[in-house]
Amino acid sequence: MPFNIKTLESILSGDKPDLDRTILTMVIGERGSLNRKGLATAVLAWRALKITPTTAIVLLVGGYDDDPRELWQIPEVRTYVQKFCAKTEAHKHRQVEPQSRNWLILCGADPTLRPECVLISNQESSKRTIDFFKQVIKQYGEQELE
């Protein structure tokens, strides 16, 4: 399975990744850049993607690895994610892997939901993500046969 590493700026400049049977990891923002400009760039890049049914998407916010809080517990991340999702509805996109969708929703991406968080181990999180990717690939294989 190919891995495409593209910056938001490279996507906006027309350097579109081949999203066929791809795991796309998209950093939608980074600590110190969770501002209007960062948001506009992330939203434009999201809209520029030509996501296929065989693309699995992992969404991240970078720069908080040393922070002991979870992303949804960090006010500036919550606010940023809420604005990003209000403009993109990324949390509703079926190709966004479940762990990404979960933290987006925990950040308040959908104000109508009141989620509860049950923390799982890193191993369980990885397993769920891998299962999602396998499901996407399996669907792709079935589409090829049709």
N, C-alpha and C. Protein backbone atom coordinates (compact mmCIF):
# COMPACT_ATOMS: atom_id res chain seq x y z
N MET A 1 0.84 -1.17 0.00
CA MET A 1 0.00 0.00 0.00
C MET A 1 0.89 1.24 0.00
N PRO A 2 0.64 2.18 -0.89
CA PRO A 2 1.50 3.37 -0.95
C PRO A 2 1.23 4.33 0.20
N PHE A 3 2.25 5.06 0.57
CA PHE A 3 2.10 6.13 1.54
C PHE A 3 2.46 7.43 0.83
N ASN A 4 1.57 8.37 0.86
CA ASN A 4 1.82 9.68 0.27
C ASN A 4 1.99 10.68 1.39
N ILE A 5 3.11 11.34 1.40
CA ILE A 5 3.36 12.39 2.39
C ILE A 5 3.32 13.71 1.65
N LYS A 6 2.32 14.50 1.96
CA LYS A 6 2.16 15.80 1.32
C LYS A 6 1.87 16.82 2.40
N THR A 7 2.37 18.01 2.23
CA THR A 7 2.02 19.09 3.14
C THR A 7 0.71 19.72 2.65
N LEU A 8 0.06 20.45 3.54
CA LEU A 8 -1.16 21.13 3.12
C LEU A 8 -0.86 22.09 1.98
N GLU A 9 0.27 22.75 2.08
CA GLU A 9 0.65 23.71 1.03
C GLU A 9 0.88 23.01 -0.31
N SER A 10 1.48 21.81 -0.29
CA SER A 10 1.73 21.12 -1.56
C SER A 10 0.42 20.66 -2.19
N ILE A 11 -0.54 20.29 -1.38
CA ILE A 11 -1.85 19.91 -1.91
C ILE A 11 -2.51 21.12 -2.56
N LEU A 12 -2.44 22.26 -1.87
CA LEU A 12 -3.05 23.47 -2.41
C LEU A 12 -2.37 23.96 -3.67
N SER A 13 -1.09 23.64 -3.83
CA SER A 13 -0.37 24.09 -5.02
C SER A 13 -0.62 23.18 -6.21
N GLY A 14 -1.44 22.16 -6.03
CA GLY A 14 -1.77 21.29 -7.14
C GLY A 14 -1.04 19.97 -7.13
N ASP A 15 -0.19 19.74 -6.16
CA ASP A 15 0.56 18.48 -6.06
C ASP A 15 -0.34 17.46 -5.36
N LYS A 16 -1.31 16.94 -6.09
CA LYS A 16 -2.30 16.05 -5.50
C LYS A 16 -1.76 14.63 -5.38
N PRO A 17 -1.93 14.03 -4.19
CA PRO A 17 -1.48 12.65 -4.03
C PRO A 17 -2.40 11.69 -4.77
N ASP A 18 -1.88 10.55 -5.12
CA ASP A 18 -2.69 9.48 -5.68
C ASP A 18 -3.40 8.82 -4.51
N LEU A 19 -4.70 9.03 -4.41
CA LEU A 19 -5.44 8.55 -3.25
C LEU A 19 -6.10 7.20 -3.49
N ASP A 20 -5.63 6.48 -4.47
CA ASP A 20 -6.18 5.18 -4.76
C ASP A 20 -5.53 4.14 -3.86
N ARG A 21 -6.32 3.52 -3.01
CA ARG A 21 -5.81 2.50 -2.06
C ARG A 21 -4.71 3.07 -1.18
N THR A 22 -5.00 4.17 -0.57
CA THR A 22 -3.99 4.93 0.16
C THR A 22 -4.43 5.20 1.59
N ILE A 23 -3.48 5.20 2.50
CA ILE A 23 -3.69 5.72 3.84
C ILE A 23 -3.16 7.15 3.82
N LEU A 24 -4.04 8.09 4.00
CA LEU A 24 -3.66 9.50 3.99
C LEU A 24 -3.62 10.01 5.43
N THR A 25 -2.47 10.43 5.87
CA THR A 25 -2.33 11.06 7.18
C THR A 25 -2.26 12.55 6.95
N MET A 26 -3.23 13.26 7.50
CA MET A 26 -3.32 14.69 7.27
C MET A 26 -3.23 15.42 8.61
N VAL A 27 -2.20 16.22 8.76
CA VAL A 27 -2.04 17.06 9.94
C VAL A 27 -2.83 18.33 9.67
N ILE A 28 -3.94 18.48 10.37
CA ILE A 28 -4.82 19.62 10.09
C ILE A 28 -4.39 20.89 10.83
N GLY A 29 -3.46 20.76 11.74
CA GLY A 29 -2.96 21.93 12.47
C GLY A 29 -1.82 21.53 13.39
N GLU A 30 -1.06 22.54 13.81
CA GLU A 30 0.06 22.30 14.71
C GLU A 30 0.09 23.37 15.79
N ARG A 31 0.58 22.95 16.95
CA ARG A 31 0.71 23.87 18.08
C ARG A 31 1.44 25.14 17.61
N GLY A 32 0.92 26.28 17.99
CA GLY A 32 1.51 27.55 17.59
C GLY A 32 0.95 28.07 16.27
N SER A 33 0.22 27.24 15.54
CA SER A 33 -0.36 27.65 14.26
C SER A 33 -1.86 27.37 14.20
N LEU A 34 -2.47 27.24 15.35
CA LEU A 34 -3.92 26.99 15.38
C LEU A 34 -4.64 28.33 15.34
N ASN A 35 -4.45 29.02 14.23
CA ASN A 35 -4.99 30.35 14.06
C ASN A 35 -5.81 30.41 12.77
N ARG A 36 -6.26 31.58 12.41
CA ARG A 36 -7.11 31.75 11.24
C ARG A 36 -6.40 31.31 9.95
N LYS A 37 -5.13 31.65 9.82
CA LYS A 37 -4.37 31.26 8.62
C LYS A 37 -4.20 29.74 8.56
N GLY A 38 -3.84 29.13 9.68
CA GLY A 38 -3.69 27.67 9.71
C GLY A 38 -4.99 26.98 9.39
N LEU A 39 -6.09 27.49 9.93
CA LEU A 39 -7.41 26.92 9.67
C LEU A 39 -7.78 27.05 8.20
N ALA A 40 -7.56 28.22 7.63
CA ALA A 40 -7.89 28.42 6.21
C ALA A 40 -7.10 27.47 5.32
N THR A 41 -5.83 27.29 5.63
CA THR A 41 -4.99 26.38 4.85
C THR A 41 -5.49 24.95 4.97
N ALA A 42 -5.81 24.51 6.19
CA ALA A 42 -6.30 23.15 6.40
C ALA A 42 -7.63 22.91 5.70
N VAL A 43 -8.53 23.86 5.77
CA VAL A 43 -9.84 23.73 5.13
C VAL A 43 -9.68 23.67 3.61
N LEU A 44 -8.87 24.56 3.06
CA LEU A 44 -8.66 24.55 1.61
C LEU A 44 -8.01 23.24 1.15
N ALA A 45 -7.05 22.75 1.92
CA ALA A 45 -6.40 21.48 1.56
C ALA A 45 -7.40 20.33 1.62
N TRP A 46 -8.23 20.30 2.65
CA TRP A 46 -9.26 19.25 2.76
C TRP A 46 -10.17 19.28 1.53
N ARG A 47 -10.61 20.46 1.18
CA ARG A 47 -11.52 20.59 0.03
C ARG A 47 -10.83 20.25 -1.29
N ALA A 48 -9.51 20.43 -1.36
CA ALA A 48 -8.78 20.14 -2.59
C ALA A 48 -8.54 18.64 -2.80
N LEU A 49 -8.65 17.87 -1.73
CA LEU A 49 -8.41 16.42 -1.85
C LEU A 49 -9.51 15.77 -2.68
N LYS A 50 -9.10 14.87 -3.52
CA LYS A 50 -10.06 14.06 -4.29
C LYS A 50 -10.04 12.67 -3.66
N ILE A 51 -10.80 12.55 -2.57
CA ILE A 51 -10.79 11.32 -1.78
C ILE A 51 -11.65 10.28 -2.47
N THR A 52 -11.06 9.10 -2.65
CA THR A 52 -11.77 7.99 -3.28
C THR A 52 -12.31 7.06 -2.19
N PRO A 53 -13.21 6.15 -2.54
CA PRO A 53 -13.71 5.19 -1.55
C PRO A 53 -12.62 4.26 -1.01
N THR A 54 -11.46 4.25 -1.62
CA THR A 54 -10.38 3.37 -1.18
C THR A 54 -9.30 4.13 -0.42
N THR A 55 -9.60 5.34 -0.02
CA THR A 55 -8.67 6.13 0.77
C THR A 55 -9.08 6.05 2.23
N ALA A 56 -8.15 5.71 3.09
CA ALA A 56 -8.39 5.74 4.54
C ALA A 56 -7.66 6.97 5.09
N ILE A 57 -8.35 7.77 5.87
CA ILE A 57 -7.80 9.05 6.31
C ILE A 57 -7.58 9.07 7.82
N VAL A 58 -6.38 9.44 8.21
CA VAL A 58 -6.04 9.66 9.62
C VAL A 58 -5.82 11.16 9.77
N LEU A 59 -6.50 11.77 10.72
CA LEU A 59 -6.35 13.20 10.97
C LEU A 59 -5.60 13.42 12.28
N LEU A 60 -4.70 14.39 12.27
CA LEU A 60 -3.87 14.68 13.43
C LEU A 60 -3.76 16.18 13.67
N VAL A 61 -3.46 16.53 14.91
CA VAL A 61 -3.00 17.87 15.27
C VAL A 61 -1.64 17.64 15.91
N GLY A 62 -0.63 18.32 15.44
CA GLY A 62 0.73 18.08 15.89
C GLY A 62 1.20 19.04 16.96
N GLY A 63 2.28 18.66 17.63
CA GLY A 63 2.95 19.54 18.56
C GLY A 63 2.54 19.39 20.01
N TYR A 64 1.70 18.41 20.30
CA TYR A 64 1.22 18.24 21.67
C TYR A 64 1.66 16.93 22.30
N ASP A 65 2.66 16.29 21.73
CA ASP A 65 3.12 15.00 22.26
C ASP A 65 3.60 15.09 23.70
N ASP A 66 4.18 16.23 24.09
CA ASP A 66 4.69 16.37 25.45
C ASP A 66 3.63 16.85 26.44
N ASP A 67 2.46 17.17 25.94
CA ASP A 67 1.37 17.62 26.80
C ASP A 67 0.66 16.38 27.37
N PRO A 68 0.52 16.30 28.70
CA PRO A 68 -0.09 15.10 29.28
C PRO A 68 -1.59 14.98 29.01
N ARG A 69 -2.22 16.06 28.56
CA ARG A 69 -3.66 16.02 28.28
C ARG A 69 -3.92 15.36 26.93
N GLU A 70 -5.12 14.83 26.79
CA GLU A 70 -5.58 14.35 25.49
C GLU A 70 -5.95 15.57 24.65
N LEU A 71 -5.94 15.43 23.34
CA LEU A 71 -6.21 16.58 22.47
C LEU A 71 -7.53 17.26 22.80
N TRP A 72 -8.56 16.49 23.09
CA TRP A 72 -9.88 17.08 23.35
C TRP A 72 -9.95 17.80 24.69
N GLN A 73 -8.89 17.68 25.49
CA GLN A 73 -8.84 18.39 26.77
C GLN A 73 -8.08 19.72 26.67
N ILE A 74 -7.57 20.03 25.49
CA ILE A 74 -6.78 21.24 25.28
C ILE A 74 -7.68 22.29 24.60
N PRO A 75 -7.99 23.37 25.30
CA PRO A 75 -8.96 24.34 24.77
C PRO A 75 -8.67 24.85 23.36
N GLU A 76 -7.41 25.21 23.06
CA GLU A 76 -7.13 25.75 21.72
C GLU A 76 -7.31 24.69 20.63
N VAL A 77 -7.06 23.43 20.96
CA VAL A 77 -7.28 22.36 19.99
C VAL A 77 -8.78 22.17 19.78
N ARG A 78 -9.53 22.14 20.86
CA ARG A 78 -10.99 21.99 20.76
C ARG A 78 -11.60 23.06 19.87
N THR A 79 -11.24 24.31 20.14
CA THR A 79 -11.79 25.42 19.36
C THR A 79 -11.41 25.29 17.88
N TYR A 80 -10.16 24.98 17.62
CA TYR A 80 -9.67 24.83 16.25
C TYR A 80 -10.41 23.70 15.53
N VAL A 81 -10.52 22.56 16.17
CA VAL A 81 -11.18 21.39 15.56
C VAL A 81 -12.66 21.70 15.30
N GLN A 82 -13.30 22.37 16.24
CA GLN A 82 -14.71 22.73 16.04
C GLN A 82 -14.87 23.59 14.79
N LYS A 83 -13.99 24.55 14.61
CA LYS A 83 -14.06 25.41 13.42
C LYS A 83 -13.75 24.63 12.15
N PHE A 84 -12.71 23.77 12.22
CA PHE A 84 -12.34 22.96 11.05
C PHE A 84 -13.51 22.06 10.63
N CYS A 85 -14.12 21.40 11.58
CA CYS A 85 -15.22 20.48 11.27
C CYS A 85 -16.49 21.22 10.84
N ALA A 86 -16.71 22.41 11.37
CA ALA A 86 -17.87 23.20 10.94
C ALA A 86 -17.76 23.54 9.46
N LYS A 87 -16.54 23.74 8.99
CA LYS A 87 -16.32 24.11 7.59
C LYS A 87 -16.16 22.91 6.66
N THR A 88 -15.75 21.74 7.21
CA THR A 88 -15.45 20.59 6.34
C THR A 88 -16.34 19.38 6.57
N GLU A 89 -16.93 19.29 7.75
CA GLU A 89 -17.66 18.10 8.17
C GLU A 89 -16.79 16.84 8.07
N ALA A 90 -15.51 17.01 8.32
CA ALA A 90 -14.57 15.88 8.25
C ALA A 90 -14.98 14.76 9.20
N HIS A 91 -15.56 15.10 10.33
CA HIS A 91 -15.97 14.09 11.31
C HIS A 91 -17.09 13.20 10.79
N LYS A 92 -17.74 13.60 9.71
CA LYS A 92 -18.82 12.80 9.12
C LYS A 92 -18.36 12.00 7.90
N HIS A 93 -17.16 12.25 7.44
CA HIS A 93 -16.67 11.59 6.23
C HIS A 93 -16.41 10.12 6.50
N ARG A 94 -16.96 9.25 5.68
CA ARG A 94 -16.88 7.81 5.95
C ARG A 94 -15.48 7.25 5.79
N GLN A 95 -14.58 7.98 5.16
CA GLN A 95 -13.22 7.47 4.97
C GLN A 95 -12.29 7.85 6.13
N VAL A 96 -12.77 8.69 7.05
CA VAL A 96 -11.96 9.05 8.22
C VAL A 96 -12.00 7.87 9.19
N GLU A 97 -10.80 7.41 9.55
CA GLU A 97 -10.74 6.22 10.41
C GLU A 97 -11.34 6.52 11.77
N PRO A 98 -11.91 5.51 12.42
CA PRO A 98 -12.69 5.72 13.64
C PRO A 98 -11.96 6.42 14.78
N GLN A 99 -10.69 6.17 14.98
CA GLN A 99 -9.99 6.82 16.09
C GLN A 99 -9.89 8.32 15.84
N SER A 100 -9.67 8.72 14.59
CA SER A 100 -9.65 10.16 14.25
C SER A 100 -11.03 10.76 14.46
N ARG A 101 -12.05 10.07 13.97
CA ARG A 101 -13.41 10.56 14.12
C ARG A 101 -13.75 10.74 15.61
N ASN A 102 -13.34 9.78 16.41
CA ASN A 102 -13.65 9.84 17.84
C ASN A 102 -13.06 11.08 18.50
N TRP A 103 -11.78 11.38 18.24
CA TRP A 103 -11.21 12.54 18.93
C TRP A 103 -11.77 13.85 18.36
N LEU A 104 -12.15 13.86 17.07
CA LEU A 104 -12.80 15.06 16.53
C LEU A 104 -14.11 15.31 17.26
N ILE A 105 -14.88 14.25 17.45
CA ILE A 105 -16.18 14.38 18.13
C ILE A 105 -15.97 14.76 19.60
N LEU A 106 -14.96 14.18 20.23
CA LEU A 106 -14.67 14.55 21.62
C LEU A 106 -14.26 16.02 21.74
N CYS A 107 -13.69 16.56 20.66
CA CYS A 107 -13.34 17.99 20.65
C CYS A 107 -14.57 18.88 20.47
N GLY A 108 -15.71 18.28 20.15
CA GLY A 108 -16.93 19.05 19.96
C GLY A 108 -17.26 19.33 18.52
N ALA A 109 -16.76 18.47 17.61
CA ALA A 109 -17.01 18.67 16.18
C ALA A 109 -18.49 18.71 15.85
N ASP A 110 -19.27 17.94 16.57
CA ASP A 110 -20.73 17.94 16.38
C ASP A 110 -21.36 18.40 17.69
N PRO A 111 -21.81 19.64 17.75
CA PRO A 111 -22.33 20.18 19.01
C PRO A 111 -23.60 19.49 19.51
N THR A 112 -24.24 18.68 18.66
CA THR A 112 -25.45 17.97 19.08
C THR A 112 -25.12 16.69 19.84
N LEU A 113 -23.87 16.24 19.75
CA LEU A 113 -23.48 15.01 20.44
C LEU A 113 -22.85 15.32 21.78
N ARG A 114 -23.09 14.48 22.74
CA ARG A 114 -22.47 14.58 24.06
C ARG A 114 -21.76 13.25 24.33
N PRO A 115 -20.59 13.07 23.71
CA PRO A 115 -19.91 11.77 23.83
C PRO A 115 -19.29 11.55 25.20
N GLU A 116 -19.16 10.29 25.54
CA GLU A 116 -18.42 9.90 26.72
C GLU A 116 -17.16 9.20 26.23
N CYS A 117 -16.10 9.38 26.96
CA CYS A 117 -14.81 8.81 26.55
C CYS A 117 -14.44 7.64 27.44
N VAL A 118 -14.14 6.53 26.79
CA VAL A 118 -13.58 5.39 27.47
C VAL A 118 -12.21 5.17 26.85
N LEU A 119 -11.17 5.40 27.62
CA LEU A 119 -9.82 5.27 27.08
C LEU A 119 -9.49 3.80 26.85
N ILE A 120 -8.81 3.54 25.75
CA ILE A 120 -8.36 2.19 25.42
C ILE A 120 -6.84 2.21 25.31
N SER A 121 -6.26 1.05 25.28
CA SER A 121 -4.80 0.97 25.19
C SER A 121 -4.33 1.37 23.79
N ASN A 122 -3.06 1.72 23.69
CA ASN A 122 -2.47 2.01 22.38
C ASN A 122 -2.60 0.81 21.46
N GLN A 123 -2.44 -0.39 22.02
CA GLN A 123 -2.54 -1.61 21.21
C GLN A 123 -3.95 -1.77 20.65
N GLU A 124 -4.96 -1.52 21.47
CA GLU A 124 -6.34 -1.64 21.00
C GLU A 124 -6.64 -0.57 19.96
N SER A 125 -6.15 0.63 20.18
CA SER A 125 -6.35 1.70 19.20
C SER A 125 -5.72 1.32 17.86
N SER A 126 -4.50 0.81 17.92
CA SER A 126 -3.81 0.39 16.68
C SER A 126 -4.58 -0.73 16.00
N LYS A 127 -5.06 -1.68 16.77
CA LYS A 127 -5.82 -2.80 16.20
C LYS A 127 -7.07 -2.29 15.47
N ARG A 128 -7.78 -1.38 16.10
CA ARG A 128 -9.01 -0.84 15.49
C ARG A 128 -8.69 -0.09 14.20
N THR A 129 -7.61 0.66 14.22
CA THR A 129 -7.21 1.39 13.02
C THR A 129 -6.83 0.43 11.90
N ILE A 130 -6.05 -0.58 12.23
CA ILE A 130 -5.65 -1.59 11.22
C ILE A 130 -6.87 -2.31 10.68
N ASP A 131 -7.82 -2.65 11.55
CA ASP A 131 -9.05 -3.30 11.09
C ASP A 131 -9.81 -2.41 10.12
N PHE A 132 -9.84 -1.11 10.40
CA PHE A 132 -10.50 -0.17 9.49
C PHE A 132 -9.81 -0.16 8.14
N PHE A 133 -8.47 -0.09 8.14
CA PHE A 133 -7.73 -0.08 6.89
C PHE A 133 -7.97 -1.37 6.11
N LYS A 134 -8.00 -2.50 6.79
CA LYS A 134 -8.28 -3.78 6.13
C LYS A 134 -9.66 -3.78 5.50
N GLN A 135 -10.63 -3.19 6.20
CA GLN A 135 -11.99 -3.10 5.68
C GLN A 135 -12.02 -2.26 4.40
N VAL A 136 -11.31 -1.14 4.41
CA VAL A 136 -11.26 -0.28 3.23
C VAL A 136 -10.62 -1.03 2.06
N ILE A 137 -9.53 -1.74 2.34
CA ILE A 137 -8.84 -2.49 1.29
C ILE A 137 -9.74 -3.61 0.76
N LYS A 138 -10.43 -4.30 1.66
CA LYS A 138 -11.32 -5.38 1.25
C LYS A 138 -12.42 -4.84 0.34
N GLN A 139 -13.00 -3.71 0.72
CA GLN A 139 -14.02 -3.10 -0.13
C GLN A 139 -13.46 -2.77 -1.49
N TYR A 140 -12.21 -2.30 -1.52
CA TYR A 140 -11.56 -1.97 -2.78
C TYR A 140 -11.43 -3.22 -3.64
N GLY A 141 -10.98 -4.33 -3.04
CA GLY A 141 -10.83 -5.57 -3.77
C GLY A 141 -12.13 -6.07 -4.35
N GLU A 142 -13.21 -5.91 -3.58
CA GLU A 142 -14.51 -6.33 -4.06
C GLU A 142 -14.97 -5.45 -5.21
N GLN A 143 -14.66 -4.16 -5.17
CA GLN A 143 -15.04 -3.26 -6.25
C GLN A 143 -14.27 -3.61 -7.52
N GLU A 144 -13.01 -4.05 -7.36
CA GLU A 144 -12.22 -4.42 -8.53
C GLU A 144 -12.82 -5.61 -9.25
N LEU A 145 -13.44 -6.54 -8.49
CA LEU A 145 -14.00 -7.73 -9.08
C LEU A 145 -15.30 -7.47 -9.81
N GLU A 146 -15.97 -6.39 -9.48
CA GLU A 146 -17.27 -6.08 -10.09
C GLU A 146 -17.11 -5.52 -11.48
